[in-house]
Amino acid sequence: MGTGYRMTTDRIRGSFDVQLSRAERTLHLFSLYAQDEITLFPEKLILTLGTKFERNDFTGFETQPSARLLWNTSKSHTLWVSAARAVRTPSRADDDVRLNFITGVGTARSILGNPNLRSEVLNAFELGHRWQILERLSLDTALFYNEYTRLRGVGVQSIGPDPALPLIPTVTQLVFENQTDGEVYGGELATTWKVLDIWTLRPSYSLLLMRMHLKPAAGLGAEVAEEGQSPVHQAMLRSSVDLPGNVTWDALLRYVGGLRTLPVPAYLALDSGITWRPRSWVELSVVGQNLLDDHHPEFKPITFISPQSEIPRSVFGKVTFRF
């Protein structure tokens, strides 16, 4: 059980692109959380219950309960099921912001914050199974169903002159709204294989499906969250090798499916790094990312008018101290 309080104060100087109705603002967040683990049958059935209460300046009081049941059916099989509620409360970027974009000669688009936004809500349900096939080999399987309500989107508020932009004849005003509900569901497979005492492989695969729905009250011109903006298929292969002299070699090969509604094709990427630990409190690493190509796209925002950026190949060093 615990409690917390956070106060944040900011002062932001606006520009043409980003404006705030209040340049300075102080926000308060109060929280209280509790969790208890209940053993229903020793070493067999364990129930974990928890909840979190928050009081914020945007939506007031929020509660986020959770429950998880773990069942050890045998020494090699474990089943679990969980349910939880989570919220994303509005922020300064949702409440009192104004974003301006020039779209052409004499035209612009503005996205306006909405002080009446409510929290986005997630009800998450999961079912999982772990099978210890051999001493060095295990398989984890999970199914999930996530129900989203009051997701933030943008709807058209007006098209025409705007007193805030007097030199631009035609301004399309969009406003943030709680306009979308949806379901996200799928599954995951993950294996851990201790090939040798010094070498571990972790292949995994995930399937993700989405269905999004505009609420009947959504305004004219409201934009639904695109179902094709997340990859349906993803696969990864992680390798970790412990070398002599406190050296570890890690590599990650990942496949990410293409995005159906955005100009982002499927891609294959490889990250690899060497880490040396001369002492227990210090690490020195050299890491290479996206080693298979010079650059590739991973996402393209559709709400904001900006060129598509690509993720380049990179190599960097890192020193980590632990105290």
C-alpha atoms as a PDB file:
ATOM      1  CA  MET A   1       0.000   0.000   0.000  1.00  0.00           C
ATOM      2  CA  GLY A   2       1.269   3.489  -0.723  1.00  0.00           C
ATOM      3  CA  THR A   3       0.381   7.038  -1.541  1.00  0.00           C
ATOM      4  CA  GLY A   4       1.869   9.800  -3.645  1.00  0.00           C
ATOM      5  CA  TYR A   5       1.610  13.439  -4.594  1.00  0.00           C
ATOM      6  CA  ARG A   6       3.117  15.203  -7.595  1.00  0.00           C
ATOM      7  CA  MET A   7       3.122  18.887  -8.467  1.00  0.00           C
ATOM      8  CA  THR A   8       4.379  20.111 -11.840  1.00  0.00           C
ATOM      9  CA  THR A   9       4.777  23.711 -12.932  1.00  0.00           C
ATOM     10  CA  ASP A  10       5.652  24.759 -16.455  1.00  0.00           C
ATOM     11  CA  ARG A  11       6.088  27.953 -18.399  1.00  0.00           C
ATOM     12  CA  ILE A  12       5.950  27.543 -22.180  1.00  0.00           C
ATOM     13  CA  ARG A  13       6.682  30.228 -24.726  1.00  0.00           C
ATOM     14  CA  GLY A  14       4.441  29.694 -27.731  1.00  0.00           C
ATOM     15  CA  SER A  15       5.172  30.091 -31.433  1.00  0.00           C
ATOM     16  CA  PHE A  16       3.065  30.177 -34.582  1.00  0.00           C
ATOM     17  CA  ASP A  17       3.143  26.368 -34.769  1.00  0.00           C
ATOM     18  CA  VAL A  18       2.379  25.630 -31.107  1.00  0.00           C
ATOM     19  CA  GLN A  19       0.315  27.925 -28.880  1.00  0.00           C
ATOM     20  CA  LEU A  20      -1.147  27.499 -25.396  1.00  0.00           C
ATOM     21  CA  SER A  21      -4.099  29.389 -23.976  1.00  0.00           C
ATOM     22  CA  ARG A  22      -2.221  29.532 -20.641  1.00  0.00           C
ATOM     23  CA  ALA A  23       1.526  30.036 -20.892  1.00  0.00           C
ATOM     24  CA  GLU A  24       2.052  29.019 -17.257  1.00  0.00           C
ATOM     25  CA  ARG A  25       0.227  26.317 -15.330  1.00  0.00           C
ATOM     26  CA  THR A  26       0.603  24.291 -12.134  1.00  0.00           C
ATOM     27  CA  LEU A  27      -0.894  20.786 -11.952  1.00  0.00           C
ATOM     28  CA  HIS A  28      -1.498  18.524  -8.945  1.00  0.00           C
ATOM     29  CA  LEU A  29      -1.809  14.727  -8.898  1.00  0.00           C
ATOM     30  CA  PHE A  30      -2.764  12.723  -5.782  1.00  0.00           C
ATOM     31  CA  SER A  31      -2.570   8.912  -5.823  1.00  0.00           C
ATOM     32  CA  LEU A  32      -3.256   5.985  -3.508  1.00  0.00           C
ATOM     33  CA  TYR A  33      -2.591   2.353  -4.360  1.00  0.00           C
ATOM     34  CA  ALA A  34      -2.977  -0.990  -2.609  1.00  0.00           C
ATOM     35  CA  GLN A  35      -2.260  -4.612  -3.537  1.00  0.00           C
ATOM     36  CA  ASP A  36      -2.657  -7.915  -1.732  1.00  0.00           C
ATOM     37  CA  GLU A  37      -1.646 -11.459  -2.641  1.00  0.00           C
ATOM     38  CA  ILE A  38      -4.008 -14.135  -1.327  1.00  0.00           C
ATOM     39  CA  THR A  39      -2.960 -17.798  -1.275  1.00  0.00           C
ATOM     40  CA  LEU A  40      -6.141 -19.793  -1.849  1.00  0.00           C
ATOM     41  CA  PHE A  41      -4.323 -23.155  -1.973  1.00  0.00           C
ATOM     42  CA  PRO A  42      -0.635 -23.289  -0.955  1.00  0.00           C
ATOM     43  CA  GLU A  43       1.696 -23.493  -3.985  1.00  0.00           C
ATOM     44  CA  LYS A  44      -1.329 -24.077  -6.244  1.00  0.00           C
ATOM     45  CA  LEU A  45      -3.761 -21.164  -6.475  1.00  0.00           C
ATOM     46  CA  ILE A  46      -2.807 -17.526  -5.836  1.00  0.00           C
ATOM     47  CA  LEU A  47      -5.089 -14.502  -6.221  1.00  0.00           C
ATOM     48  CA  THR A  48      -3.645 -10.997  -6.504  1.00  0.00           C
ATOM     49  CA  LEU A  49      -5.965  -8.014  -6.075  1.00  0.00           C
ATOM     50  CA  GLY A  50      -5.028  -4.375  -6.410  1.00  0.00           C
ATOM     51  CA  THR A  51      -6.348  -0.931  -7.154  1.00  0.00           C
ATOM     52  CA  LYS A  52      -5.102   2.579  -7.743  1.00  0.00           C
ATOM     53  CA  PHE A  53      -6.970   5.793  -6.986  1.00  0.00           C
ATOM     54  CA  GLU A  54      -5.996   9.124  -8.510  1.00  0.00           C
ATOM     55  CA  ARG A  55      -7.193  12.706  -8.291  1.00  0.00           C
ATOM     56  CA  ASN A  56      -6.063  14.945 -11.159  1.00  0.00           C
ATOM     57  CA  ASP A  57      -6.857  18.487 -12.313  1.00  0.00           C
ATOM     58  CA  PHE A  58      -8.418  17.474 -15.644  1.00  0.00           C
ATOM     59  CA  THR A  59     -11.016  14.778 -14.940  1.00  0.00           C
ATOM     60  CA  GLY A  60     -11.098  14.601 -11.152  1.00  0.00           C
ATOM     61  CA  PHE A  61     -11.258  11.177  -9.481  1.00  0.00           C
ATOM     62  CA  GLU A  62     -10.125   8.027 -11.334  1.00  0.00           C
ATOM     63  CA  THR A  63      -9.939   4.393 -10.189  1.00  0.00           C
ATOM     64  CA  GLN A  64      -7.897   1.575 -11.748  1.00  0.00           C
ATOM     65  CA  PRO A  65      -8.568  -1.880 -10.225  1.00  0.00           C
ATOM     66  CA  SER A  66      -6.842  -5.132 -11.212  1.00  0.00           C
ATOM     67  CA  ALA A  67      -7.129  -8.854 -10.458  1.00  0.00           C
ATOM     68  CA  ARG A  68      -4.911 -11.812 -11.361  1.00  0.00           C
ATOM     69  CA  LEU A  69      -5.386 -15.525 -10.657  1.00  0.00           C
ATOM     70  CA  LEU A  70      -2.394 -17.900 -10.930  1.00  0.00           C
ATOM     71  CA  TRP A  71      -2.884 -21.678 -10.980  1.00  0.00           C
ATOM     72  CA  ASN A  72       0.077 -24.064 -10.832  1.00  0.00           C
ATOM     73  CA  THR A  73      -1.579 -27.172 -12.260  1.00  0.00           C
ATOM     74  CA  SER A  74       1.670 -29.167 -12.077  1.00  0.00           C
ATOM     75  CA  LYS A  75       5.419 -28.653 -11.845  1.00  0.00           C
ATOM     76  CA  SER A  76       5.596 -27.988 -15.580  1.00  0.00           C
ATOM     77  CA  HIS A  77       2.303 -26.164 -16.271  1.00  0.00           C
ATOM     78  CA  THR A  78       1.038 -22.811 -15.000  1.00  0.00           C
ATOM     79  CA  LEU A  79      -2.193 -21.059 -16.017  1.00  0.00           C
ATOM     80  CA  TRP A  80      -3.100 -17.443 -15.290  1.00  0.00           C
ATOM     81  CA  VAL A  81      -5.945 -15.069 -16.024  1.00  0.00           C
ATOM     82  CA  SER A  82      -6.122 -11.346 -15.348  1.00  0.00           C
ATOM     83  CA  ALA A  83      -8.417  -8.356 -15.691  1.00  0.00           C
ATOM     84  CA  ALA A  84      -7.533  -4.702 -15.221  1.00  0.00           C
ATOM     85  CA  ARG A  85      -8.832  -1.214 -15.843  1.00  0.00           C
ATOM     86  CA  ALA A  86      -6.496   1.621 -16.836  1.00  0.00           C
ATOM     87  CA  VAL A  87      -7.026   5.226 -17.885  1.00  0.00           C
ATOM     88  CA  ARG A  88      -5.115   7.849 -19.841  1.00  0.00           C
ATOM     89  CA  THR A  89      -6.002  11.216 -18.406  1.00  0.00           C
ATOM     90  CA  PRO A  90      -5.812  14.361 -20.544  1.00  0.00           C
ATOM     91  CA  SER A  91      -2.704  16.514 -20.408  1.00  0.00           C
ATOM     92  CA  ARG A  92      -1.735  20.056 -21.303  1.00  0.00           C
ATOM     93  CA  ALA A  93      -1.345  18.897 -24.904  1.00  0.00           C
ATOM     94  CA  ASP A  94      -5.022  17.827 -24.942  1.00  0.00           C
ATOM     95  CA  ASP A  95      -6.536  20.650 -22.922  1.00  0.00           C
ATOM     96  CA  ASP A  96      -5.308  24.118 -23.887  1.00  0.00           C
ATOM     97  CA  VAL A  97      -3.072  23.642 -26.930  1.00  0.00           C
ATOM     98  CA  ARG A  98      -3.437  25.048 -30.440  1.00  0.00           C
ATOM     99  CA  LEU A  99      -1.386  23.562 -33.294  1.00  0.00           C
ATOM    100  CA  ASN A 100      -1.195  25.481 -36.593  1.00  0.00           C
ATOM    101  CA  PHE A 101      -0.089  24.094 -39.968  1.00  0.00           C
ATOM    102  CA  ILE A 102       0.168  25.920 -43.284  1.00  0.00           C
ATOM    103  CA  THR A 103      -1.390  23.609 -45.889  1.00  0.00           C
ATOM    104  CA  GLY A 104      -1.184  25.788 -49.008  1.00  0.00           C
ATOM    105  CA  VAL A 105      -1.495  29.308 -50.365  1.00  0.00           C
ATOM    106  CA  GLY A 106      -4.084  31.048 -48.169  1.00  0.00           C
ATOM    107  CA  THR A 107      -5.046  27.858 -46.302  1.00  0.00           C
ATOM    108  CA  ALA A 108      -4.142  26.408 -42.921  1.00  0.00           C
ATOM    109  CA  ARG A 109      -5.227  23.733 -40.481  1.00  0.00           C
ATOM    110  CA  SER A 110      -5.492  24.213 -36.709  1.00  0.00           C
ATOM    111  CA  ILE A 111      -5.953  21.534 -34.057  1.00  0.00           C
ATOM    112  CA  LEU A 112      -7.515  22.858 -30.853  1.00  0.00           C
ATOM    113  CA  GLY A 113      -7.438  21.438 -27.349  1.00  0.00           C
ATOM    114  CA  ASN A 114     -10.656  20.605 -25.540  1.00  0.00           C
ATOM    115  CA  PRO A 115     -11.017  21.286 -21.783  1.00  0.00           C
ATOM    116  CA  ASN A 116     -14.042  18.957 -21.702  1.00  0.00           C
ATOM    117  CA  LEU A 117     -12.123  15.841 -22.733  1.00  0.00           C
ATOM    118  CA  ARG A 118     -12.650  12.810 -20.515  1.00  0.00           C
ATOM    119  CA  SER A 119     -10.117  10.103 -19.735  1.00  0.00           C
ATOM    120  CA  GLU A 120      -9.536   7.328 -22.240  1.00  0.00           C
ATOM    121  CA  VAL A 121     -10.441   3.970 -20.664  1.00  0.00           C
ATOM    122  CA  LEU A 122      -8.913   0.523 -21.199  1.00  0.00           C
ATOM    123  CA  ASN A 123     -10.461  -2.694 -19.881  1.00  0.00           C
ATOM    124  CA  ALA A 124      -7.834  -5.403 -20.420  1.00  0.00           C
ATOM    125  CA  PHE A 125      -8.344  -9.171 -20.174  1.00  0.00           C
ATOM    126  CA  GLU A 126      -5.578 -11.777 -20.533  1.00  0.00           C
ATOM    127  CA  LEU A 127      -5.278 -15.552 -20.429  1.00  0.00           C
ATOM    128  CA  GLY A 128      -1.896 -17.231 -20.342  1.00  0.00           C
ATOM    129  CA  HIS A 129      -0.127 -20.567 -20.029  1.00  0.00           C
ATOM    130  CA  ARG A 130       3.494 -21.477 -19.305  1.00  0.00           C
ATOM    131  CA  TRP A 131       4.824 -24.927 -20.172  1.00  0.00           C
ATOM    132  CA  GLN A 132       8.229 -25.949 -18.868  1.00  0.00           C
ATOM    133  CA  ILE A 133       8.845 -28.507 -21.610  1.00  0.00           C
ATOM    134  CA  LEU A 134      12.378 -29.385 -20.546  1.00  0.00           C
ATOM    135  CA  GLU A 135      14.776 -28.033 -17.972  1.00  0.00           C
ATOM    136  CA  ARG A 136      16.283 -25.788 -20.671  1.00  0.00           C
ATOM    137  CA  LEU A 137      13.146 -25.138 -22.748  1.00  0.00           C
ATOM    138  CA  SER A 138       9.890 -23.322 -21.904  1.00  0.00           C
ATOM    139  CA  LEU A 139       6.933 -22.021 -23.919  1.00  0.00           C
ATOM    140  CA  ASP A 140       4.688 -19.096 -22.951  1.00  0.00           C
ATOM    141  CA  THR A 141       1.318 -18.578 -24.645  1.00  0.00           C
ATOM    142  CA  ALA A 142      -0.982 -15.623 -24.045  1.00  0.00           C
ATOM    143  CA  LEU A 143      -4.285 -14.369 -25.445  1.00  0.00           C
ATOM    144  CA  PHE A 144      -5.512 -10.839 -24.828  1.00  0.00           C
ATOM    145  CA  TYR A 145      -8.627  -8.770 -25.416  1.00  0.00           C
ATOM    146  CA  ASN A 146      -8.487  -5.026 -24.801  1.00  0.00           C
ATOM    147  CA  GLU A 147     -11.615  -2.886 -24.864  1.00  0.00           C
ATOM    148  CA  TYR A 148     -11.050   0.852 -25.359  1.00  0.00           C
ATOM    149  CA  THR A 149     -13.636   3.571 -24.810  1.00  0.00           C
ATOM    150  CA  ARG A 150     -13.537   7.350 -25.231  1.00  0.00           C
ATOM    151  CA  LEU A 151     -10.382   7.325 -27.345  1.00  0.00           C
ATOM    152  CA  ARG A 152      -9.209  10.750 -28.423  1.00  0.00           C
ATOM    153  CA  GLY A 153      -9.675  11.763 -32.043  1.00  0.00           C
ATOM    154  CA  VAL A 154     -10.180  14.956 -33.993  1.00  0.00           C
ATOM    155  CA  GLY A 155     -13.345  16.325 -35.586  1.00  0.00           C
ATOM    156  CA  VAL A 156     -13.984  19.305 -37.832  1.00  0.00           C
ATOM    157  CA  GLN A 157     -15.250  22.313 -35.881  1.00  0.00           C
ATOM    158  CA  SER A 158     -15.323  24.954 -38.637  1.00  0.00           C
ATOM    159  CA  ILE A 159     -13.933  25.914 -42.047  1.00  0.00           C
ATOM    160  CA  GLY A 160     -13.429  29.574 -42.903  1.00  0.00           C
ATOM    161  CA  PRO A 161     -11.848  32.730 -41.472  1.00  0.00           C
ATOM    162  CA  ASP A 162     -10.251  32.472 -38.036  1.00  0.00           C
ATOM    163  CA  PRO A 163      -9.636  35.596 -35.903  1.00  0.00           C
ATOM    164  CA  ALA A 164      -6.527  33.941 -34.462  1.00  0.00           C
ATOM    165  CA  LEU A 165      -4.987  33.747 -37.964  1.00  0.00           C
ATOM    166  CA  PRO A 166      -6.226  36.958 -39.640  1.00  0.00           C
ATOM    167  CA  LEU A 167      -3.808  36.799 -42.594  1.00  0.00           C
ATOM    168  CA  ILE A 168      -5.035  33.370 -43.753  1.00  0.00           C
ATOM    169  CA  PRO A 169      -8.433  33.389 -45.549  1.00  0.00           C
ATOM    170  CA  THR A 170      -9.379  29.738 -45.013  1.00  0.00           C
ATOM    171  CA  VAL A 171      -8.606  27.846 -41.824  1.00  0.00           C
ATOM    172  CA  THR A 172      -9.892  24.349 -41.061  1.00  0.00           C
ATOM    173  CA  GLN A 173     -10.372  24.059 -37.310  1.00  0.00           C
ATOM    174  CA  LEU A 174     -10.159  20.568 -35.815  1.00  0.00           C
ATOM    175  CA  VAL A 175     -10.853  19.876 -32.156  1.00  0.00           C
ATOM    176  CA  PHE A 176      -9.877  16.965 -29.924  1.00  0.00           C
ATOM    177  CA  GLU A 177     -12.892  14.799 -29.011  1.00  0.00           C
ATOM    178  CA  ASN A 178     -13.658  11.537 -27.183  1.00  0.00           C
ATOM    179  CA  GLN A 179     -15.126  10.057 -30.315  1.00  0.00           C
ATOM    180  CA  THR A 180     -13.842   6.500 -30.773  1.00  0.00           C
ATOM    181  CA  ASP A 181     -14.336   3.102 -29.138  1.00  0.00           C
ATOM    182  CA  GLY A 182     -12.518  -0.032 -30.154  1.00  0.00           C
ATOM    183  CA  GLU A 183     -11.287  -3.530 -29.491  1.00  0.00           C
ATOM    184  CA  VAL A 184      -7.730  -4.802 -29.808  1.00  0.00           C
ATOM    185  CA  TYR A 185      -7.167  -8.530 -29.507  1.00  0.00           C
ATOM    186  CA  GLY A 186      -4.638 -11.170 -30.411  1.00  0.00           C
ATOM    187  CA  GLY A 187      -2.045 -13.495 -28.979  1.00  0.00           C
ATOM    188  CA  GLU A 188       1.620 -14.029 -28.249  1.00  0.00           C
ATOM    189  CA  LEU A 189       3.985 -16.998 -28.323  1.00  0.00           C
ATOM    190  CA  ALA A 190       7.383 -16.833 -26.627  1.00  0.00           C
ATOM    191  CA  THR A 191      10.012 -19.522 -26.126  1.00  0.00           C
ATOM    192  CA  THR A 192      13.111 -19.519 -23.947  1.00  0.00           C
ATOM    193  CA  TRP A 193      15.731 -22.087 -24.978  1.00  0.00           C
ATOM    194  CA  LYS A 194      18.961 -22.461 -23.036  1.00  0.00           C
ATOM    195  CA  VAL A 195      20.958 -23.931 -25.916  1.00  0.00           C
ATOM    196  CA  LEU A 196      24.176 -24.012 -23.884  1.00  0.00           C
ATOM    197  CA  ASP A 197      25.123 -22.787 -20.438  1.00  0.00           C
ATOM    198  CA  ILE A 198      26.437 -19.613 -22.081  1.00  0.00           C
ATOM    199  CA  TRP A 199      23.895 -19.231 -24.909  1.00  0.00           C
ATOM    200  CA  THR A 200      20.159 -18.431 -24.670  1.00  0.00           C
ATOM    201  CA  LEU A 201      17.696 -18.021 -27.556  1.00  0.00           C
ATOM    202  CA  ARG A 202      14.291 -16.328 -27.155  1.00  0.00           C
ATOM    203  CA  PRO A 203      12.092 -16.499 -30.276  1.00  0.00           C
ATOM    204  CA  SER A 204       8.644 -14.881 -30.109  1.00  0.00           C
ATOM    205  CA  TYR A 205       5.663 -14.055 -32.307  1.00  0.00           C
ATOM    206  CA  SER A 206       2.672 -11.750 -31.802  1.00  0.00           C
ATOM    207  CA  LEU A 207      -0.629 -11.279 -33.633  1.00  0.00           C
ATOM    208  CA  LEU A 208      -2.571  -8.034 -33.202  1.00  0.00           C
ATOM    209  CA  LEU A 209      -6.024  -7.264 -34.625  1.00  0.00           C
ATOM    210  CA  MET A 210      -8.037  -4.057 -34.221  1.00  0.00           C
ATOM    211  CA  ARG A 211     -11.612  -2.867 -34.682  1.00  0.00           C
ATOM    212  CA  MET A 212     -12.360   0.820 -34.196  1.00  0.00           C
ATOM    213  CA  HIS A 213     -15.791   2.485 -34.163  1.00  0.00           C
ATOM    214  CA  LEU A 214     -16.820   6.120 -34.239  1.00  0.00           C
ATOM    215  CA  LYS A 215     -19.356   7.022 -31.587  1.00  0.00           C
ATOM    216  CA  PRO A 216     -22.773   8.109 -32.936  1.00  0.00           C
ATOM    217  CA  ALA A 217     -22.228  11.543 -31.375  1.00  0.00           C
ATOM    218  CA  ALA A 218     -18.972  12.158 -33.252  1.00  0.00           C
ATOM    219  CA  GLY A 219     -19.122  15.374 -35.245  1.00  0.00           C
ATOM    220  CA  LEU A 220     -19.214  15.748 -39.004  1.00  0.00           C
ATOM    221  CA  GLY A 221     -15.811  15.043 -40.457  1.00  0.00           C
ATOM    222  CA  ALA A 222     -14.580  13.162 -37.397  1.00  0.00           C
ATOM    223  CA  GLU A 223     -11.637  10.898 -38.112  1.00  0.00           C
ATOM    224  CA  VAL A 224     -11.680   7.329 -36.835  1.00  0.00           C
ATOM    225  CA  ALA A 225      -8.441   5.802 -35.607  1.00  0.00           C
ATOM    226  CA  GLU A 226      -7.159   3.765 -38.514  1.00  0.00           C
ATOM    227  CA  GLU A 227      -7.110   0.050 -37.871  1.00  0.00           C
ATOM    228  CA  GLY A 228      -4.208  -0.389 -40.269  1.00  0.00           C
ATOM    229  CA  GLN A 229      -1.757   1.817 -38.371  1.00  0.00           C
ATOM    230  CA  SER A 230      -0.360  -1.073 -36.303  1.00  0.00           C
ATOM    231  CA  PRO A 231       1.370  -4.178 -37.689  1.00  0.00           C
ATOM    232  CA  VAL A 232      -0.705  -7.355 -37.562  1.00  0.00           C
ATOM    233  CA  HIS A 233       2.317  -9.672 -37.440  1.00  0.00           C
ATOM    234  CA  GLN A 234       5.575  -9.269 -35.529  1.00  0.00           C
ATOM    235  CA  ALA A 235       8.307 -11.824 -34.874  1.00  0.00           C
ATOM    236  CA  MET A 236      11.556 -11.569 -32.935  1.00  0.00           C
ATOM    237  CA  LEU A 237      14.605 -13.702 -32.230  1.00  0.00           C
ATOM    238  CA  ARG A 238      16.798 -12.672 -29.305  1.00  0.00           C
ATOM    239  CA  SER A 239      20.201 -14.221 -28.729  1.00  0.00           C
ATOM    240  CA  SER A 240      22.424 -13.725 -25.688  1.00  0.00           C
ATOM    241  CA  VAL A 241      25.904 -15.239 -25.351  1.00  0.00           C
ATOM    242  CA  ASP A 242      28.063 -14.970 -22.215  1.00  0.00           C
ATOM    243  CA  LEU A 243      31.687 -14.724 -23.354  1.00  0.00           C
ATOM    244  CA  PRO A 244      34.837 -14.990 -21.211  1.00  0.00           C
ATOM    245  CA  GLY A 245      35.986 -11.928 -19.289  1.00  0.00           C
ATOM    246  CA  ASN A 246      32.514 -10.703 -18.215  1.00  0.00           C
ATOM    247  CA  VAL A 247      31.561  -9.945 -21.813  1.00  0.00           C
ATOM    248  CA  THR A 248      28.045 -10.460 -23.221  1.00  0.00           C
ATOM    249  CA  TRP A 249      27.051 -10.441 -26.881  1.00  0.00           C
ATOM    250  CA  ASP A 250      23.369  -9.666 -27.507  1.00  0.00           C
ATOM    251  CA  ALA A 251      21.558  -9.667 -30.842  1.00  0.00           C
ATOM    252  CA  LEU A 252      17.945  -9.011 -31.820  1.00  0.00           C
ATOM    253  CA  LEU A 253      16.479  -9.896 -35.215  1.00  0.00           C
ATOM    254  CA  ARG A 254      12.936  -8.619 -35.721  1.00  0.00           C
ATOM    255  CA  TYR A 255      10.336  -8.773 -38.455  1.00  0.00           C
ATOM    256  CA  VAL A 256       7.550  -6.175 -38.462  1.00  0.00           C
ATOM    257  CA  GLY A 257       4.610  -6.462 -40.840  1.00  0.00           C
ATOM    258  CA  GLY A 258       3.594  -3.596 -43.095  1.00  0.00           C
ATOM    259  CA  LEU A 259       0.988  -0.988 -42.136  1.00  0.00           C
ATOM    260  CA  ARG A 260      -2.043  -1.421 -44.372  1.00  0.00           C
ATOM    261  CA  THR A 261      -3.234   2.196 -44.392  1.00  0.00           C
ATOM    262  CA  LEU A 262       0.153   3.949 -44.357  1.00  0.00           C
ATOM    263  CA  PRO A 263       3.074   3.889 -46.817  1.00  0.00           C
ATOM    264  CA  VAL A 264       5.139   1.692 -44.499  1.00  0.00           C
ATOM    265  CA  PRO A 265       6.117  -1.730 -45.906  1.00  0.00           C
ATOM    266  CA  ALA A 266       7.202  -4.731 -43.857  1.00  0.00           C
ATOM    267  CA  TYR A 267      10.829  -4.683 -42.779  1.00  0.00           C
ATOM    268  CA  LEU A 268      13.510  -6.847 -41.203  1.00  0.00           C
ATOM    269  CA  ALA A 269      15.890  -5.229 -38.702  1.00  0.00           C
ATOM    270  CA  LEU A 270      18.942  -6.407 -36.787  1.00  0.00           C
ATOM    271  CA  ASP A 271      20.384  -4.895 -33.598  1.00  0.00           C
ATOM    272  CA  SER A 272      23.562  -6.200 -31.994  1.00  0.00           C
ATOM    273  CA  GLY A 273      25.808  -5.139 -29.132  1.00  0.00           C
ATOM    274  CA  ILE A 274      28.774  -6.117 -26.972  1.00  0.00           C
ATOM    275  CA  THR A 275      28.775  -5.338 -23.241  1.00  0.00           C
ATOM    276  CA  TRP A 276      31.791  -5.581 -20.944  1.00  0.00           C
ATOM    277  CA  ARG A 277      31.436  -5.494 -17.142  1.00  0.00           C
ATOM    278  CA  PRO A 278      34.914  -4.907 -15.682  1.00  0.00           C
ATOM    279  CA  ARG A 279      33.316  -4.318 -12.266  1.00  0.00           C
ATOM    280  CA  SER A 280      29.895  -5.082 -10.811  1.00  0.00           C
ATOM    281  CA  TRP A 281      29.008  -1.370 -10.838  1.00  0.00           C
ATOM    282  CA  VAL A 282      30.115  -0.373 -14.347  1.00  0.00           C
ATOM    283  CA  GLU A 283      29.198  -1.462 -17.903  1.00  0.00           C
ATOM    284  CA  LEU A 284      30.746  -0.456 -21.231  1.00  0.00           C
ATOM    285  CA  SER A 285      28.724  -1.189 -24.371  1.00  0.00           C
ATOM    286  CA  VAL A 286      28.998  -0.780 -28.122  1.00  0.00           C
ATOM    287  CA  VAL A 287      25.645  -1.156 -29.913  1.00  0.00           C
ATOM    288  CA  GLY A 288      24.633  -1.179 -33.558  1.00  0.00           C
ATOM    289  CA  GLN A 289      20.980  -0.686 -34.546  1.00  0.00           C
ATOM    290  CA  ASN A 290      19.169  -1.287 -37.847  1.00  0.00           C
ATOM    291  CA  LEU A 291      22.251  -2.915 -39.324  1.00  0.00           C
ATOM    292  CA  LEU A 292      20.569  -4.497 -42.367  1.00  0.00           C
ATOM    293  CA  ASP A 293      19.852  -1.282 -44.299  1.00  0.00           C
ATOM    294  CA  ASP A 294      20.803   2.392 -44.397  1.00  0.00           C
ATOM    295  CA  HIS A 295      17.336   3.508 -43.269  1.00  0.00           C
ATOM    296  CA  HIS A 296      13.694   2.421 -43.351  1.00  0.00           C
ATOM    297  CA  PRO A 297      10.284   3.905 -42.425  1.00  0.00           C
ATOM    298  CA  GLU A 298       8.413   2.632 -39.378  1.00  0.00           C
ATOM    299  CA  PHE A 299       5.494   5.065 -39.084  1.00  0.00           C
ATOM    300  CA  LYS A 300       3.968   8.171 -40.638  1.00  0.00           C
ATOM    301  CA  PRO A 301       1.711  10.540 -38.665  1.00  0.00           C
ATOM    302  CA  ILE A 302      -1.536  11.368 -40.460  1.00  0.00           C
ATOM    303  CA  THR A 303      -2.941  14.023 -38.127  1.00  0.00           C
ATOM    304  CA  PHE A 304       0.038  16.327 -38.462  1.00  0.00           C
ATOM    305  CA  ILE A 305       1.310  17.603 -41.777  1.00  0.00           C
ATOM    306  CA  SER A 306       4.955  16.612 -41.715  1.00  0.00           C
ATOM    307  CA  PRO A 307       7.280  14.649 -43.972  1.00  0.00           C
ATOM    308  CA  GLN A 308       7.760  10.980 -43.258  1.00  0.00           C
ATOM    309  CA  SER A 309      10.956  10.304 -41.344  1.00  0.00           C
ATOM    310  CA  GLU A 310      12.976   7.101 -41.531  1.00  0.00           C
ATOM    311  CA  ILE A 311      15.010   5.283 -38.907  1.00  0.00           C
ATOM    312  CA  PRO A 312      18.699   5.254 -39.909  1.00  0.00           C
ATOM    313  CA  ARG A 313      21.418   2.734 -39.200  1.00  0.00           C
ATOM    314  CA  SER A 314      23.299   3.811 -36.069  1.00  0.00           C
ATOM    315  CA  VAL A 315      26.246   2.785 -33.912  1.00  0.00           C
ATOM    316  CA  PHE A 316      26.873   4.194 -30.443  1.00  0.00           C
ATOM    317  CA  GLY A 317      28.789   3.568 -27.249  1.00  0.00           C
ATOM    318  CA  LYS A 318      27.393   3.657 -23.722  1.00  0.00           C
ATOM    319  CA  VAL A 319      28.862   3.693 -20.219  1.00  0.00           C
ATOM    320  CA  THR A 320      26.588   2.749 -17.296  1.00  0.00           C
ATOM    321  CA  PHE A 321      27.405   3.231 -13.609  1.00  0.00           C
ATOM    322  CA  ARG A 322      25.304   1.535 -10.915  1.00  0.00           C
ATOM    323  CA  PHE A 323      25.249   2.854  -7.360  1.00  0.00           C
END
